[in-house]
Amino acid sequence: MTLNHFRQSLNQVVLLLAFALIPLGAHAQEIETPANFAILMDADTGIVLFEKNADELMAPASMSKLMTLEILFQRLQEGSVTMEQEFHISTEAWQRGGSASGSSTMFAEWNSWVPVEDLIRGITVVSGNDACIAVAEALAGTEADFAVTMTSRARELGFEQASFTNSTGWPDPNHVMTARELALLSRHMTETYPEYMHYFAEEDYTWNGHTQGNRNPLIYSFPGGDGLKTGHTEASGYGLVGTAERDGRRLILVINGLESNRARSSEAQRLLTLGFNAFRHYDLFAEGDIVGRAEVWGGREHLVPLTIREDVAVILRREARREMEVSVNYLGPIEAPIITGAEVATLRVSAPGAQALEYPLYAAASVPRTGIVGQIMMALDHLVFGRVEQELMDAAEASDAAAEAEQAAP
């Protein structure tokens, strides 16, 4: 006799928690911004607290220099490039990206050689186009070839919409990214290259007799602000990729399409303040926790413990204290034998008006199959008690129907 002889049902174990879940921008309608594009993300979990047009392509301007730096940081980390290595400032870098053009520049001299560490500061602090082109030419031969590498690297990181035509963010209709991609790129960089993140927080930088301040207003005016990149062109408006950390919690903000430098600064500070003050991080389960038990059919044990293989956390609004539902779902009872590590159930975290989060659950122990006598006893148990349960449910439904009819009678 097998489990297929009986009707399977979706079993659910529910825990009610007195919180309101806020995953993936569930309360985005409660926040407004004059920015054309915006996203506010918790760096630790990747949960989005707020977004606006986050998946629409936009001109990223100098914010796309983060991709230039990502490739350089990758080469440094793997050892194919060193901080002491010097890159050449070509005519192209000097004329199109340097002081000769009057654009963002670190003032590198034509035909000079600049150490990699100084080029990093030339990009992170003063947004030097000359520094970006020097990096591009050193790593790929030409800036055009480096742009191909940038797009290819974006695909490796999972960014399907980003497309690059240069290393600097110079205006081009084919040089585009989304706000979400910039936020995810920033999260990747802070996690993967922590040893290089301090360059973004330096307040000023001097090269070739020119001292320039960091263009990121968060560095000076927002407590915990430590990065990452500003951007501005006529096509993009004023934008910023901002990061800040308080009490061990990091937020990432991307805004773009604002009308002025002042508007960019004030809006970045307002949204980050809202993120830190209105939302709180809560840990629900840790990797390896036993989160529930599932019924077993035909096994030597009647229940199998369920474990999760990743941390589960949510971001909650501080003032919200409504009920959040956490449920363990599986089609069962689950037929034995069950092997340790088998995926047998799903953890679901949901709340009214919020997008549900789901995580696979795995058997934390093996359950061997029982013998024929045990199967017969389980079948009898199922038939007897299942029938009683159904009769009780039918009686309850009949009672409810009678009560409704009595209330409706004149």
Protein backbone atom coordinates (compact mmCIF):
# COMPACT_ATOMS: atom_id res chain seq x y z
CA MET A 1 0.00 0.00 0.00
CA THR A 2 1.44 3.39 -0.99
CA LEU A 3 0.72 7.04 -0.38
CA ASN A 4 -0.92 7.29 -3.81
CA HIS A 5 -3.89 5.31 -2.44
CA PHE A 6 -4.81 8.34 -0.37
CA ARG A 7 -5.64 11.92 -1.21
CA GLN A 8 -2.63 14.20 -0.86
CA SER A 9 -3.15 17.63 0.68
CA LEU A 10 -1.16 20.84 1.01
CA ASN A 11 -0.08 20.92 4.62
CA GLN A 12 0.78 24.26 6.16
CA VAL A 13 2.31 25.15 9.51
CA VAL A 14 1.78 28.83 10.26
CA LEU A 15 3.57 31.13 12.70
CA LEU A 16 2.06 34.55 13.32
CA LEU A 17 4.54 37.29 14.12
CA ALA A 18 3.52 40.76 15.21
CA PHE A 19 5.40 42.62 12.50
CA ALA A 20 4.69 43.98 9.04
CA LEU A 21 6.91 42.71 6.25
CA ILE A 22 8.42 45.27 3.90
CA PRO A 23 10.24 43.38 1.12
CA LEU A 24 10.99 44.65 -2.36
CA GLY A 25 9.49 48.11 -2.08
CA ALA A 26 6.10 47.05 -0.74
CA HIS A 27 5.55 50.52 0.74
CA ALA A 28 7.01 52.44 -2.20
CA GLN A 29 3.67 54.23 -2.70
CA GLU A 30 4.17 55.92 0.69
CA ILE A 31 7.41 57.62 -0.40
CA GLU A 32 7.71 60.26 -3.10
CA THR A 33 10.73 61.85 -4.75
CA PRO A 34 11.29 64.47 -7.45
CA ALA A 35 14.03 62.26 -8.92
CA ASN A 36 13.09 60.62 -12.21
CA PHE A 37 14.80 57.39 -11.17
CA ALA A 38 15.45 56.13 -7.65
CA ILE A 39 16.08 53.05 -5.57
CA LEU A 40 16.92 52.61 -1.88
CA MET A 41 18.37 49.23 -0.92
CA ASP A 42 19.51 47.51 2.25
CA ALA A 43 23.06 46.42 1.42
CA ASP A 44 23.14 43.40 3.71
CA THR A 45 19.97 41.69 2.47
CA GLY A 46 19.44 43.29 -0.93
CA ILE A 47 15.87 44.14 0.11
CA VAL A 48 14.56 47.23 -1.66
CA LEU A 49 12.93 49.77 0.63
CA PHE A 50 11.83 52.15 -2.10
CA GLU A 51 12.02 52.38 -5.86
CA LYS A 52 10.84 54.58 -8.71
CA ASN A 53 11.38 53.65 -12.36
CA ALA A 54 14.24 51.47 -11.14
CA ASP A 55 14.19 49.16 -14.17
CA GLU A 56 13.94 51.84 -16.86
CA LEU A 57 17.09 52.59 -18.84
CA MET A 58 18.66 55.97 -18.16
CA ALA A 59 21.80 57.94 -18.95
CA PRO A 60 24.07 57.17 -15.96
CA ALA A 61 26.68 59.86 -16.68
CA SER A 62 29.74 59.52 -14.45
CA MET A 63 27.98 57.04 -12.17
CA SER A 64 28.91 54.40 -14.78
CA LYS A 65 32.55 54.96 -13.83
CA LEU A 66 31.79 52.46 -11.08
CA MET A 67 31.94 49.75 -13.76
CA THR A 68 35.35 51.03 -14.89
CA LEU A 69 36.52 50.78 -11.29
CA GLU A 70 34.93 47.35 -10.81
CA ILE A 71 37.04 45.93 -13.62
CA LEU A 72 40.18 47.62 -12.28
CA PHE A 73 39.48 46.35 -8.74
CA GLN A 74 38.98 42.84 -10.11
CA ARG A 75 42.37 42.94 -11.82
CA LEU A 76 44.01 44.25 -8.66
CA GLN A 77 42.41 41.57 -6.54
CA GLU A 78 43.48 38.76 -8.86
CA GLY A 79 47.04 40.18 -9.05
CA SER A 80 47.32 40.97 -12.77
CA VAL A 81 47.62 44.69 -11.87
CA THR A 82 49.41 46.31 -8.92
CA MET A 83 48.90 49.64 -7.19
CA GLU A 84 52.47 50.69 -8.03
CA GLN A 85 52.07 49.94 -11.73
CA GLU A 86 51.96 53.05 -13.94
CA PHE A 87 49.51 53.67 -16.78
CA HIS A 88 50.19 55.99 -19.71
CA ILE A 89 48.30 59.24 -20.28
CA SER A 90 47.82 59.18 -24.04
CA THR A 91 46.87 62.03 -26.34
CA GLU A 92 43.32 60.67 -26.34
CA ALA A 93 43.16 60.62 -22.54
CA TRP A 94 44.61 64.12 -22.28
CA GLN A 95 42.60 65.78 -25.04
CA ARG A 96 39.19 64.11 -24.65
CA GLY A 97 39.25 63.32 -20.99
CA GLY A 98 41.64 65.76 -19.43
CA SER A 99 42.42 69.39 -18.88
CA ALA A 100 42.51 70.13 -22.58
CA SER A 101 38.74 69.50 -22.81
CA GLY A 102 37.82 71.40 -19.65
CA SER A 103 35.80 68.42 -18.43
CA SER A 104 36.11 66.40 -15.21
CA THR A 105 39.83 65.81 -14.85
CA MET A 106 42.59 64.90 -12.43
CA PHE A 107 44.94 67.16 -14.44
CA ALA A 108 47.27 64.39 -15.55
CA GLU A 109 49.92 65.65 -17.95
CA TRP A 110 50.04 64.52 -21.55
CA ASN A 111 52.42 61.61 -22.20
CA SER A 112 53.02 61.09 -18.48
CA TRP A 113 52.81 57.86 -16.48
CA VAL A 114 50.56 57.74 -13.42
CA PRO A 115 50.51 55.04 -10.70
CA VAL A 116 47.32 52.98 -10.53
CA GLU A 117 46.58 54.11 -6.98
CA ASP A 118 46.59 57.73 -8.07
CA LEU A 119 44.34 56.94 -11.01
CA ILE A 120 41.88 55.35 -8.58
CA ARG A 121 41.82 58.55 -6.54
CA GLY A 122 41.53 60.52 -9.74
CA ILE A 123 38.27 58.65 -10.45
CA THR A 124 36.75 58.17 -6.99
CA VAL A 125 37.44 61.66 -5.65
CA VAL A 126 37.41 64.01 -8.66
CA SER A 127 35.75 61.88 -11.37
CA GLY A 128 38.62 62.32 -13.78
CA ASN A 129 37.83 61.32 -17.35
CA ASP A 130 41.53 61.29 -18.14
CA ALA A 131 42.09 58.71 -15.41
CA CYS A 132 39.27 56.52 -16.75
CA ILE A 133 40.59 56.55 -20.31
CA ALA A 134 44.10 55.76 -19.09
CA VAL A 135 42.72 52.73 -17.23
CA ALA A 136 40.68 51.65 -20.24
CA GLU A 137 43.61 51.84 -22.64
CA ALA A 138 45.97 50.06 -20.25
CA LEU A 139 43.59 47.17 -19.63
CA ALA A 140 42.07 46.71 -23.10
CA GLY A 141 44.22 48.59 -25.63
CA THR A 142 41.52 51.06 -26.65
CA GLU A 143 38.62 52.66 -24.86
CA ALA A 144 36.20 51.13 -27.37
CA ASP A 145 37.47 47.64 -26.58
CA PHE A 146 37.27 48.38 -22.87
CA ALA A 147 33.62 49.40 -23.30
CA VAL A 148 32.97 45.94 -24.78
CA THR A 149 34.64 44.47 -21.69
CA MET A 150 32.43 46.62 -19.46
CA THR A 151 29.26 45.33 -21.11
CA SER A 152 30.52 41.75 -20.94
CA ARG A 153 31.35 42.13 -17.26
CA ALA A 154 27.89 43.57 -16.64
CA ARG A 155 26.36 40.40 -18.10
CA GLU A 156 28.57 38.27 -15.85
CA LEU A 157 27.20 40.18 -12.88
CA GLY A 158 23.62 39.60 -14.03
CA PHE A 159 22.89 43.05 -15.48
CA GLU A 160 20.91 42.33 -18.63
CA GLN A 161 20.09 45.91 -19.69
CA ALA A 162 23.34 47.80 -19.11
CA SER A 163 25.27 48.81 -22.22
CA PHE A 164 28.51 50.81 -22.38
CA THR A 165 30.24 52.72 -25.16
CA ASN A 166 32.99 54.44 -23.13
CA SER A 167 34.76 54.34 -19.78
CA THR A 168 33.66 57.76 -18.53
CA GLY A 169 29.90 58.08 -18.91
CA TRP A 170 30.31 60.54 -21.75
CA PRO A 171 26.86 61.15 -23.31
CA ASP A 172 25.89 58.48 -25.84
CA PRO A 173 22.39 57.09 -26.50
CA ASN A 174 23.78 53.56 -26.29
CA HIS A 175 25.53 54.14 -22.96
CA VAL A 176 22.78 53.23 -20.51
CA MET A 177 22.04 51.51 -17.20
CA THR A 178 19.12 51.16 -14.81
CA ALA A 179 19.01 52.46 -11.25
CA ARG A 180 18.62 48.90 -9.98
CA GLU A 181 21.74 47.80 -11.85
CA LEU A 182 23.72 50.65 -10.32
CA ALA A 183 22.50 49.71 -6.85
CA LEU A 184 23.36 46.05 -7.38
CA LEU A 185 26.77 46.99 -8.78
CA SER A 186 27.41 49.11 -5.69
CA ARG A 187 26.36 46.27 -3.41
CA HIS A 188 28.64 43.88 -5.30
CA MET A 189 31.59 46.25 -4.99
CA THR A 190 31.17 46.90 -1.26
CA GLU A 191 30.96 43.15 -0.62
CA THR A 192 33.70 42.03 -3.03
CA TYR A 193 36.30 44.80 -2.75
CA PRO A 194 36.11 46.15 0.82
CA GLU A 195 39.84 46.87 0.77
CA TYR A 196 39.31 49.56 -1.91
CA MET A 197 36.17 51.26 -0.60
CA HIS A 198 38.03 53.81 1.50
CA TYR A 199 39.08 55.69 -1.64
CA PHE A 200 35.48 56.80 -2.21
CA ALA A 201 35.37 58.54 1.17
CA GLU A 202 38.50 60.69 0.78
CA GLU A 203 37.56 64.35 0.98
CA ASP A 204 40.13 65.76 -1.44
CA TYR A 205 42.93 64.80 -3.77
CA THR A 206 45.94 66.64 -5.17
CA TRP A 207 47.69 65.84 -8.43
CA ASN A 208 49.98 67.97 -10.57
CA GLY A 209 49.51 70.96 -8.25
CA HIS A 210 45.69 70.87 -8.37
CA THR A 211 43.77 70.10 -5.18
CA GLN A 212 40.12 69.15 -5.72
CA GLY A 213 37.40 68.18 -3.28
CA ASN A 214 35.27 65.06 -3.43
CA ARG A 215 32.15 65.75 -5.50
CA ASN A 216 29.95 63.55 -3.32
CA PRO A 217 28.04 65.76 -0.82
CA LEU A 218 27.36 62.80 1.49
CA ILE A 219 31.05 62.64 2.39
CA TYR A 220 30.86 66.00 4.14
CA SER A 221 27.29 66.42 5.33
CA PHE A 222 25.69 63.04 6.04
CA PRO A 223 26.76 61.06 9.15
CA GLY A 224 28.05 57.68 7.97
CA GLY A 225 28.20 58.72 4.31
CA ASP A 226 31.19 57.12 2.59
CA GLY A 227 30.51 56.85 -1.16
CA LEU A 228 30.19 56.31 -3.99
CA LYS A 229 29.77 58.42 -7.15
CA THR A 230 28.02 61.47 -8.54
CA GLY A 231 27.02 62.07 -12.14
CA HIS A 232 25.73 64.92 -14.27
CA THR A 233 25.15 65.57 -17.94
CA GLU A 234 22.45 67.51 -19.76
CA ALA A 235 20.83 64.24 -20.76
CA SER A 236 20.91 62.61 -17.32
CA GLY A 237 20.34 65.54 -14.99
CA TYR A 238 21.97 65.35 -11.56
CA GLY A 239 22.45 61.88 -10.11
CA LEU A 240 24.19 60.11 -7.27
CA VAL A 241 25.05 56.62 -6.12
CA GLY A 242 25.27 57.01 -2.36
CA THR A 243 26.25 54.67 0.44
CA ALA A 244 26.13 55.22 4.17
CA GLU A 245 26.65 53.01 7.23
CA ARG A 246 25.23 53.44 10.73
CA ASP A 247 25.46 51.00 13.61
CA GLY A 248 26.68 48.25 11.30
CA ARG A 249 23.84 48.70 8.81
CA ARG A 250 24.57 49.92 5.28
CA LEU A 251 22.12 51.48 2.82
CA ILE A 252 22.64 52.06 -0.90
CA LEU A 253 20.82 54.86 -2.73
CA VAL A 254 20.63 55.67 -6.43
CA ILE A 255 18.89 58.82 -7.65
CA ASN A 256 19.03 60.44 -11.07
CA GLY A 257 17.29 63.13 -13.10
CA LEU A 258 17.27 65.93 -10.52
CA GLU A 259 17.42 69.57 -11.56
CA SER A 260 20.39 70.83 -9.56
CA ASN A 261 23.34 69.92 -7.42
CA ARG A 262 21.50 71.33 -4.40
CA ALA A 263 18.43 69.17 -5.13
CA ARG A 264 20.64 66.10 -5.51
CA SER A 265 22.31 66.70 -2.15
CA SER A 266 19.15 67.40 -0.19
CA GLU A 267 17.17 64.53 -1.72
CA ALA A 268 19.95 62.01 -1.11
CA GLN A 269 20.15 62.99 2.54
CA ARG A 270 16.37 62.95 2.94
CA LEU A 271 15.92 59.45 1.48
CA LEU A 272 18.85 57.97 3.39
CA THR A 273 17.57 59.50 6.63
CA LEU A 274 14.18 57.98 5.94
CA GLY A 275 15.79 54.61 5.28
CA PHE A 276 17.69 54.60 8.56
CA ASN A 277 14.90 56.05 10.71
CA ALA A 278 11.76 54.45 9.29
CA PHE A 279 13.00 50.92 8.61
CA ARG A 280 14.63 48.30 10.80
CA HIS A 281 16.37 45.03 10.01
CA TYR A 282 15.01 41.87 11.66
CA ASP A 283 16.57 38.42 11.48
CA LEU A 284 14.00 35.60 11.34
CA PHE A 285 16.08 32.46 10.76
CA ALA A 286 19.77 31.64 10.43
CA GLU A 287 21.32 29.16 8.04
CA GLY A 288 20.92 25.67 9.49
CA ASP A 289 17.96 26.49 11.75
CA ILE A 290 15.16 23.93 12.15
CA VAL A 291 12.12 25.94 11.08
CA GLY A 292 9.41 23.29 11.32
CA ARG A 293 8.46 19.64 10.87
CA ALA A 294 6.54 17.86 8.14
CA GLU A 295 4.28 14.82 8.41
CA VAL A 296 5.67 11.57 6.97
CA TRP A 297 3.79 8.69 5.36
CA GLY A 298 5.13 5.15 5.49
CA GLY A 299 8.18 5.99 7.57
CA ARG A 300 9.62 4.85 10.87
CA GLU A 301 9.13 8.41 12.10
CA HIS A 302 5.90 10.36 11.80
CA LEU A 303 7.64 13.73 11.44
CA VAL A 304 10.78 14.94 9.65
CA PRO A 305 12.59 18.14 10.79
CA LEU A 306 13.00 20.87 8.16
CA THR A 307 16.05 23.09 7.86
CA ILE A 308 16.93 26.16 5.82
CA ARG A 309 20.23 26.76 4.02
CA GLU A 310 20.33 30.55 4.11
CA ASP A 311 19.69 33.39 6.49
CA VAL A 312 16.18 34.84 6.36
CA ALA A 313 15.77 38.50 7.24
CA VAL A 314 13.20 41.19 6.57
CA ILE A 315 13.12 44.97 6.70
CA LEU A 316 10.24 46.36 8.75
CA ARG A 317 8.83 49.83 9.18
CA ARG A 318 9.37 50.90 12.77
CA GLU A 319 5.78 52.07 13.27
CA ALA A 320 4.26 48.96 11.70
CA ARG A 321 3.15 46.26 14.12
CA ARG A 322 0.63 44.31 12.10
CA GLU A 323 0.69 40.56 11.77
CA MET A 324 3.20 38.87 9.51
CA GLU A 325 2.59 35.27 8.42
CA VAL A 326 5.40 32.74 8.21
CA SER A 327 4.30 29.35 6.90
CA VAL A 328 5.87 25.98 6.09
CA ASN A 329 4.19 24.48 3.02
CA TYR A 330 4.50 21.00 1.55
CA LEU A 331 2.44 18.46 -0.38
CA GLY A 332 1.96 15.68 2.06
CA PRO A 333 2.25 13.77 4.16
CA ILE A 334 5.64 13.17 2.56
CA GLU A 335 6.24 9.59 1.49
CA ALA A 336 9.20 7.74 3.00
CA PRO A 337 12.00 7.00 2.47
CA ILE A 338 13.34 10.53 2.94
CA ILE A 339 17.05 11.27 2.55
CA THR A 340 18.81 13.95 4.56
CA GLY A 341 19.20 17.07 2.42
CA ALA A 342 16.23 16.35 0.16
CA GLU A 343 14.18 19.43 -0.73
CA VAL A 344 10.72 18.65 0.65
CA ALA A 345 8.98 21.91 1.61
CA THR A 346 8.89 25.69 1.25
CA LEU A 347 9.11 28.50 3.79
CA ARG A 348 6.83 31.40 2.86
CA VAL A 349 6.95 34.83 4.47
CA SER A 350 4.11 37.18 3.60
CA ALA A 351 2.02 40.11 4.79
CA PRO A 352 -0.94 42.10 3.40
CA GLY A 353 0.19 44.39 0.59
CA ALA A 354 3.70 42.92 0.49
CA GLN A 355 5.36 40.64 -2.02
CA ALA A 356 5.85 37.18 -0.54
CA LEU A 357 9.31 35.72 -0.02
CA GLU A 358 9.85 31.97 -0.46
CA TYR A 359 12.77 29.75 0.52
CA PRO A 360 13.30 26.00 -0.04
CA LEU A 361 13.37 23.75 3.03
CA TYR A 362 15.34 20.52 3.31
CA ALA A 363 15.01 17.36 5.36
CA ALA A 364 17.34 17.62 8.35
CA ALA A 365 17.26 13.86 8.96
CA SER A 366 16.68 10.64 7.05
CA VAL A 367 13.44 8.72 7.57
CA PRO A 368 13.61 5.05 6.47
CA ARG A 369 10.51 3.34 5.15
CA THR A 370 8.53 1.24 7.62
CA GLY A 371 7.46 -2.38 7.06
CA ILE A 372 4.16 -3.65 5.68
CA VAL A 373 2.56 -3.93 9.12
CA GLY A 374 3.36 -0.34 9.88
CA GLN A 375 1.90 0.76 6.55
CA ILE A 376 -1.35 -1.11 7.23
CA MET A 377 -1.67 0.49 10.67
CA MET A 378 -1.08 3.96 9.17
CA ALA A 379 -3.71 3.29 6.50
CA LEU A 380 -6.28 2.29 9.11
CA ASP A 381 -5.39 5.33 11.19
CA HIS A 382 -5.83 7.56 8.15
CA LEU A 383 -9.18 6.01 7.19
CA VAL A 384 -10.66 6.14 10.69
CA PHE A 385 -9.43 9.49 11.89
CA GLY A 386 -9.63 11.08 8.44
CA ARG A 387 -13.33 10.13 8.24
CA VAL A 388 -14.00 11.48 11.74
CA GLU A 389 -12.24 14.72 10.88
CA GLN A 390 -14.30 15.13 7.72
CA GLU A 391 -17.55 14.46 9.61
CA LEU A 392 -16.60 17.14 12.14
CA MET A 393 -15.82 19.61 9.34
CA ASP A 394 -19.17 18.86 7.66
CA ALA A 395 -21.01 19.33 10.95
CA ALA A 396 -19.27 22.66 11.54
CA GLU A 397 -20.15 23.88 8.04
CA ALA A 398 -23.79 22.84 8.54
CA SER A 399 -23.89 24.68 11.85
CA ASP A 400 -22.45 27.84 10.27
CA ALA A 401 -25.00 27.66 7.45
CA ALA A 402 -27.88 27.29 9.93
CA ALA A 403 -26.64 30.25 11.95
CA GLU A 404 -26.42 32.43 8.83
CA ALA A 405 -29.96 31.42 7.81
CA GLU A 406 -31.30 32.25 11.27
CA GLN A 407 -29.68 35.70 11.18
CA ALA A 408 -31.13 36.35 7.73
CA ALA A 409 -34.70 35.40 8.77
CA PRO A 410 -37.05 38.38 9.32
